[in-house]
């Protein structure tokens, strides 16, 4: 069966895997598992020939466990990569790429902050609160590797900003994190939909500029508990 690339899951016994269709396969003789951890080596391994990508479902997450491939192909790739990394030009290339990513990340943070602020659209009386909340949401959502909706490119930035705001409020202003939600298909989605509507109703009050006593302001409480609040300015109506 080693004639084409496959995505497989661990089988019931060592040396076996299962395909998406449930077919049980034996790992070909001479093949070993190249573990994850070196993206450059993994990319080259995939380009070098046929391999099986081993993944495992853990809850709602899909975890990469590595690549099954011919052992004889791995060492030449690893040696080639080591030679390139020993060249001073390789380090200079990495430095340039790192600097480019930092600039792109900085620009994205600015764009995302503007998108969140635009979605909040608070009345002028809550301008300071709006800035602090937008900053907290951005600092939580945009870091590389955060795994939040802000990191996806499948939807426009305006929708990312909206989704990140609703998610932030769900955790910061509701009892979602402590809810005992039945393990029934669609139950968690329905709870999130209900809480999202509640968050939108909350935001609407600030958009209309309704007077809200500081001690009753859920958004101020959220900012006090938020990790980003330590770097935020004091929150008060302007």
Protein backbone atom coordinates (compact mmCIF):
# COMPACT_ATOMS: atom_id res chain seq x y z
CA UNK A 1 0.00 0.00 0.00
CA UNK A 2 2.97 2.45 0.05
CA UNK A 3 2.13 3.74 -3.41
CA UNK A 4 0.41 7.00 -2.43
CA UNK A 5 0.22 9.58 0.31
CA UNK A 6 -2.33 8.92 3.02
CA UNK A 7 -3.71 10.47 6.18
CA UNK A 8 -4.01 7.81 8.84
CA UNK A 9 -4.73 7.30 12.54
CA UNK A 10 -3.03 4.94 15.01
CA UNK A 11 -4.16 1.33 14.67
CA UNK A 12 -5.05 -1.11 17.44
CA UNK A 13 -1.55 -2.64 17.45
CA UNK A 14 1.97 -1.37 17.03
CA UNK A 15 2.88 -1.11 13.38
CA UNK A 16 -0.72 -0.68 12.21
CA UNK A 17 -2.77 2.34 11.17
CA UNK A 18 -6.34 3.09 10.14
CA UNK A 19 -7.45 5.10 7.13
CA UNK A 20 -10.34 7.57 7.15
CA UNK A 21 -12.56 4.83 5.77
CA UNK A 22 -11.65 2.53 8.67
CA UNK A 23 -9.38 0.23 6.67
CA UNK A 24 -6.62 -1.36 8.77
CA UNK A 25 -3.16 -1.20 7.20
CA UNK A 26 0.23 -2.53 8.23
CA UNK A 27 3.07 -0.02 8.12
CA UNK A 28 5.35 -1.08 5.22
CA UNK A 29 8.65 -2.79 6.03
CA UNK A 30 11.53 -0.35 6.25
CA UNK A 31 9.29 2.55 7.24
CA UNK A 32 9.66 4.45 10.52
CA UNK A 33 7.83 7.30 12.17
CA UNK A 34 9.43 10.72 11.73
CA UNK A 35 8.15 12.63 14.78
CA UNK A 36 6.89 16.23 14.53
CA UNK A 37 8.91 19.13 15.86
CA UNK A 38 11.06 20.17 12.90
CA UNK A 39 8.77 21.84 10.33
CA UNK A 40 11.55 22.26 7.76
CA UNK A 41 12.44 18.57 7.88
CA UNK A 42 8.77 17.59 7.72
CA UNK A 43 8.21 19.75 4.62
CA UNK A 44 11.17 18.20 2.85
CA UNK A 45 10.11 14.71 3.85
CA UNK A 46 6.66 15.26 2.31
CA UNK A 47 8.24 16.50 -0.93
CA UNK A 48 10.75 13.63 -1.11
CA UNK A 49 8.23 10.89 -1.83
CA UNK A 50 5.30 8.90 -0.51
CA UNK A 51 4.53 9.19 3.20
CA UNK A 52 1.64 8.61 5.56
CA UNK A 53 0.64 11.48 7.82
CA UNK A 54 -0.25 10.13 11.25
CA UNK A 55 -2.89 12.09 13.16
CA UNK A 56 -4.98 11.43 16.25
CA UNK A 57 -8.27 13.00 17.31
CA UNK A 58 -8.23 14.18 20.92
CA UNK A 59 -11.53 15.74 21.81
CA UNK A 60 -12.14 18.44 19.25
CA UNK A 61 -8.45 18.74 18.37
CA UNK A 62 -6.51 16.86 15.73
CA UNK A 63 -2.95 16.16 16.89
CA UNK A 64 -0.09 15.48 14.46
CA UNK A 65 1.98 12.48 15.49
CA UNK A 66 4.45 12.58 12.60
CA UNK A 67 5.09 10.94 9.23
CA UNK A 68 5.54 7.29 8.38
CA UNK A 69 8.08 7.01 5.58
CA UNK A 70 11.11 5.03 4.42
CA UNK A 71 13.91 5.22 6.95
CA UNK A 72 16.49 5.42 4.15
CA UNK A 73 15.07 8.78 3.02
CA UNK A 74 15.22 10.47 6.39
CA UNK A 75 18.94 10.65 7.15
CA UNK A 76 19.96 12.24 3.81
CA UNK A 77 17.29 14.90 4.31
CA UNK A 78 18.39 15.51 7.89
CA UNK A 79 22.07 15.77 6.83
CA UNK A 80 21.24 18.16 4.00
CA UNK A 81 19.29 20.39 6.36
CA UNK A 82 22.10 20.33 8.93
CA UNK A 83 24.62 21.50 6.29
CA UNK A 84 22.36 24.38 5.29
CA UNK A 85 21.81 25.42 8.89
CA UNK A 86 25.57 25.47 9.50
CA UNK A 87 25.99 28.08 6.75
CA UNK A 88 26.05 31.67 8.14
CA UNK A 89 23.79 32.69 5.25
CA UNK A 90 21.06 30.49 6.71
CA UNK A 91 21.05 32.42 9.99
CA UNK A 92 20.91 35.73 8.11
CA UNK A 93 17.94 34.41 6.14
CA UNK A 94 16.19 33.42 9.36
CA UNK A 95 16.85 36.85 10.86
CA UNK A 96 15.34 38.60 7.82
CA UNK A 97 12.32 36.30 7.87
CA UNK A 98 11.84 36.86 11.61
CA UNK A 99 12.00 40.63 11.19
CA UNK A 100 9.47 40.46 8.35
CA UNK A 101 7.07 38.40 10.45
CA UNK A 102 7.38 40.85 13.34
CA UNK A 103 6.48 43.76 11.06
CA UNK A 104 3.54 41.85 9.60
CA UNK A 105 2.36 40.90 13.09
CA UNK A 106 2.57 44.52 14.24
CA UNK A 107 0.52 45.68 11.26
CA UNK A 108 -2.03 42.95 11.86
CA UNK A 109 -2.38 43.92 15.53
CA UNK A 110 -3.13 47.50 14.47
CA UNK A 111 -5.65 46.39 11.85
CA UNK A 112 -7.33 43.97 14.24
CA UNK A 113 -7.55 46.57 17.00
CA UNK A 114 -9.23 48.95 14.55
CA UNK A 115 -11.65 46.22 13.46
CA UNK A 116 -12.62 45.41 17.06
CA UNK A 117 -13.09 49.09 17.86
CA UNK A 118 -15.29 49.45 14.78
CA UNK A 119 -17.39 46.46 15.84
CA UNK A 120 -17.81 47.79 19.39
CA UNK A 121 -18.93 51.21 18.11
CA UNK A 122 -19.58 52.51 21.63
CA UNK A 123 -21.15 55.90 22.24
CA UNK A 124 -18.66 58.76 22.86
CA UNK A 125 -19.35 58.61 26.60
CA UNK A 126 -17.73 55.16 26.65
CA UNK A 127 -14.75 55.97 24.43
CA UNK A 128 -12.16 55.11 27.10
CA UNK A 129 -13.90 51.86 27.95
CA UNK A 130 -14.09 50.99 24.25
CA UNK A 131 -10.33 51.53 23.78
CA UNK A 132 -9.47 49.45 26.84
CA UNK A 133 -11.81 46.62 25.84
CA UNK A 134 -10.58 46.58 22.23
CA UNK A 135 -6.99 46.47 23.48
CA UNK A 136 -7.70 43.57 25.85
CA UNK A 137 -9.47 41.57 23.16
CA UNK A 138 -6.67 42.20 20.66
CA UNK A 139 -3.90 41.29 23.10
CA UNK A 140 -5.72 38.05 23.90
CA UNK A 141 -6.64 37.07 20.35
CA UNK A 142 -3.84 37.99 17.95
CA UNK A 143 -0.64 36.39 19.33
CA UNK A 144 0.82 33.81 16.94
CA UNK A 145 -0.10 30.34 18.13
CA UNK A 146 -3.04 31.54 20.20
CA UNK A 147 -5.38 29.29 18.24
CA UNK A 148 -8.15 31.90 18.32
CA UNK A 149 -10.42 32.90 15.46
CA UNK A 150 -8.26 35.99 14.99
CA UNK A 151 -5.53 33.80 13.48
CA UNK A 152 -7.67 32.37 10.69
CA UNK A 153 -7.65 33.83 7.19
CA UNK A 154 -10.76 32.02 6.04
CA UNK A 155 -13.08 34.88 7.00
CA UNK A 156 -12.76 38.69 6.67
CA UNK A 157 -11.07 40.58 9.48
CA UNK A 158 -14.38 42.24 10.40
CA UNK A 159 -15.94 38.84 11.13
CA UNK A 160 -12.81 37.74 13.00
CA UNK A 161 -13.06 40.85 15.18
CA UNK A 162 -16.73 40.18 15.91
CA UNK A 163 -16.15 36.51 16.72
CA UNK A 164 -13.15 37.32 18.96
CA UNK A 165 -15.17 39.93 20.84
CA UNK A 166 -18.11 37.58 21.42
CA UNK A 167 -15.74 34.81 22.56
CA UNK A 168 -13.95 37.17 24.94
CA UNK A 169 -17.24 38.30 26.47
CA UNK A 170 -18.51 34.73 26.72
CA UNK A 171 -15.59 33.80 28.96
CA UNK A 172 -15.28 37.13 30.79
CA UNK A 173 -18.89 38.19 31.47
CA UNK A 174 -20.86 34.92 31.68
CA UNK A 175 -20.64 31.71 33.68
CA UNK A 176 -19.75 29.70 30.57
CA UNK A 177 -16.46 28.34 31.91
CA UNK A 178 -18.22 26.76 34.91
CA UNK A 179 -21.32 25.51 33.11
CA UNK A 180 -22.13 21.81 33.15
CA UNK A 181 -23.22 21.35 29.54
CA UNK A 182 -24.77 17.97 28.59
CA UNK A 183 -22.68 15.89 26.21
CA UNK A 184 -25.40 16.01 23.60
CA UNK A 185 -24.76 16.90 19.97
CA UNK A 186 -25.50 20.58 19.43
CA UNK A 187 -25.89 21.42 23.15
CA UNK A 188 -22.67 23.42 23.45
CA UNK A 189 -23.39 25.22 20.18
CA UNK A 190 -26.83 26.22 21.44
CA UNK A 191 -25.39 27.50 24.74
CA UNK A 192 -22.85 29.56 22.84
CA UNK A 193 -25.56 30.97 20.57
CA UNK A 194 -27.64 31.98 23.60
CA UNK A 195 -24.67 33.61 25.33
CA UNK A 196 -23.68 35.40 22.12
CA UNK A 197 -27.11 37.01 21.97
CA UNK A 198 -26.72 38.05 25.59
CA UNK A 199 -23.34 39.62 24.79
CA UNK A 200 -24.79 41.51 21.83
CA UNK A 201 -27.56 42.86 24.05
CA UNK A 202 -24.92 43.99 26.54
CA UNK A 203 -22.89 45.76 23.84
CA UNK A 204 -26.03 47.49 22.54
CA UNK A 205 -26.42 49.36 25.84
CA UNK A 206 -22.96 50.89 25.46
CA UNK A 207 -23.60 51.71 21.82
CA UNK A 208 -26.72 53.61 22.85
CA UNK A 209 -24.79 55.35 25.60
CA UNK A 210 -27.08 54.15 28.38
CA UNK A 211 -25.80 55.18 31.85
CA UNK A 212 -24.39 52.15 33.67
CA UNK A 213 -23.08 52.43 37.21
CA UNK A 214 -19.39 51.40 37.41
CA UNK A 215 -20.13 48.80 40.10
CA UNK A 216 -22.67 47.14 37.77
CA UNK A 217 -20.55 47.33 34.61
CA UNK A 218 -19.76 43.79 33.44
CA UNK A 219 -17.20 45.06 30.95
CA UNK A 220 -15.19 46.83 33.64
CA UNK A 221 -15.24 43.64 35.70
CA UNK A 222 -14.10 41.68 32.65
CA UNK A 223 -11.16 44.04 32.14
CA UNK A 224 -10.19 43.77 35.79
CA UNK A 225 -9.99 39.99 35.48
CA UNK A 226 -8.43 40.00 32.01
CA UNK A 227 -4.66 39.26 31.76
CA UNK A 228 -4.45 42.23 29.40
CA UNK A 229 -5.82 44.60 32.01
CA UNK A 230 -2.43 44.97 33.65
CA UNK A 231 -1.22 46.84 30.58
CA UNK A 232 -4.46 48.74 29.97
CA UNK A 233 -5.14 52.27 31.11
CA UNK A 234 -7.65 52.90 33.93
CA UNK A 235 -11.17 52.39 32.68
CA UNK A 236 -13.62 55.24 33.11
CA UNK A 237 -16.29 57.00 31.12
CA UNK A 238 -15.11 60.06 29.21
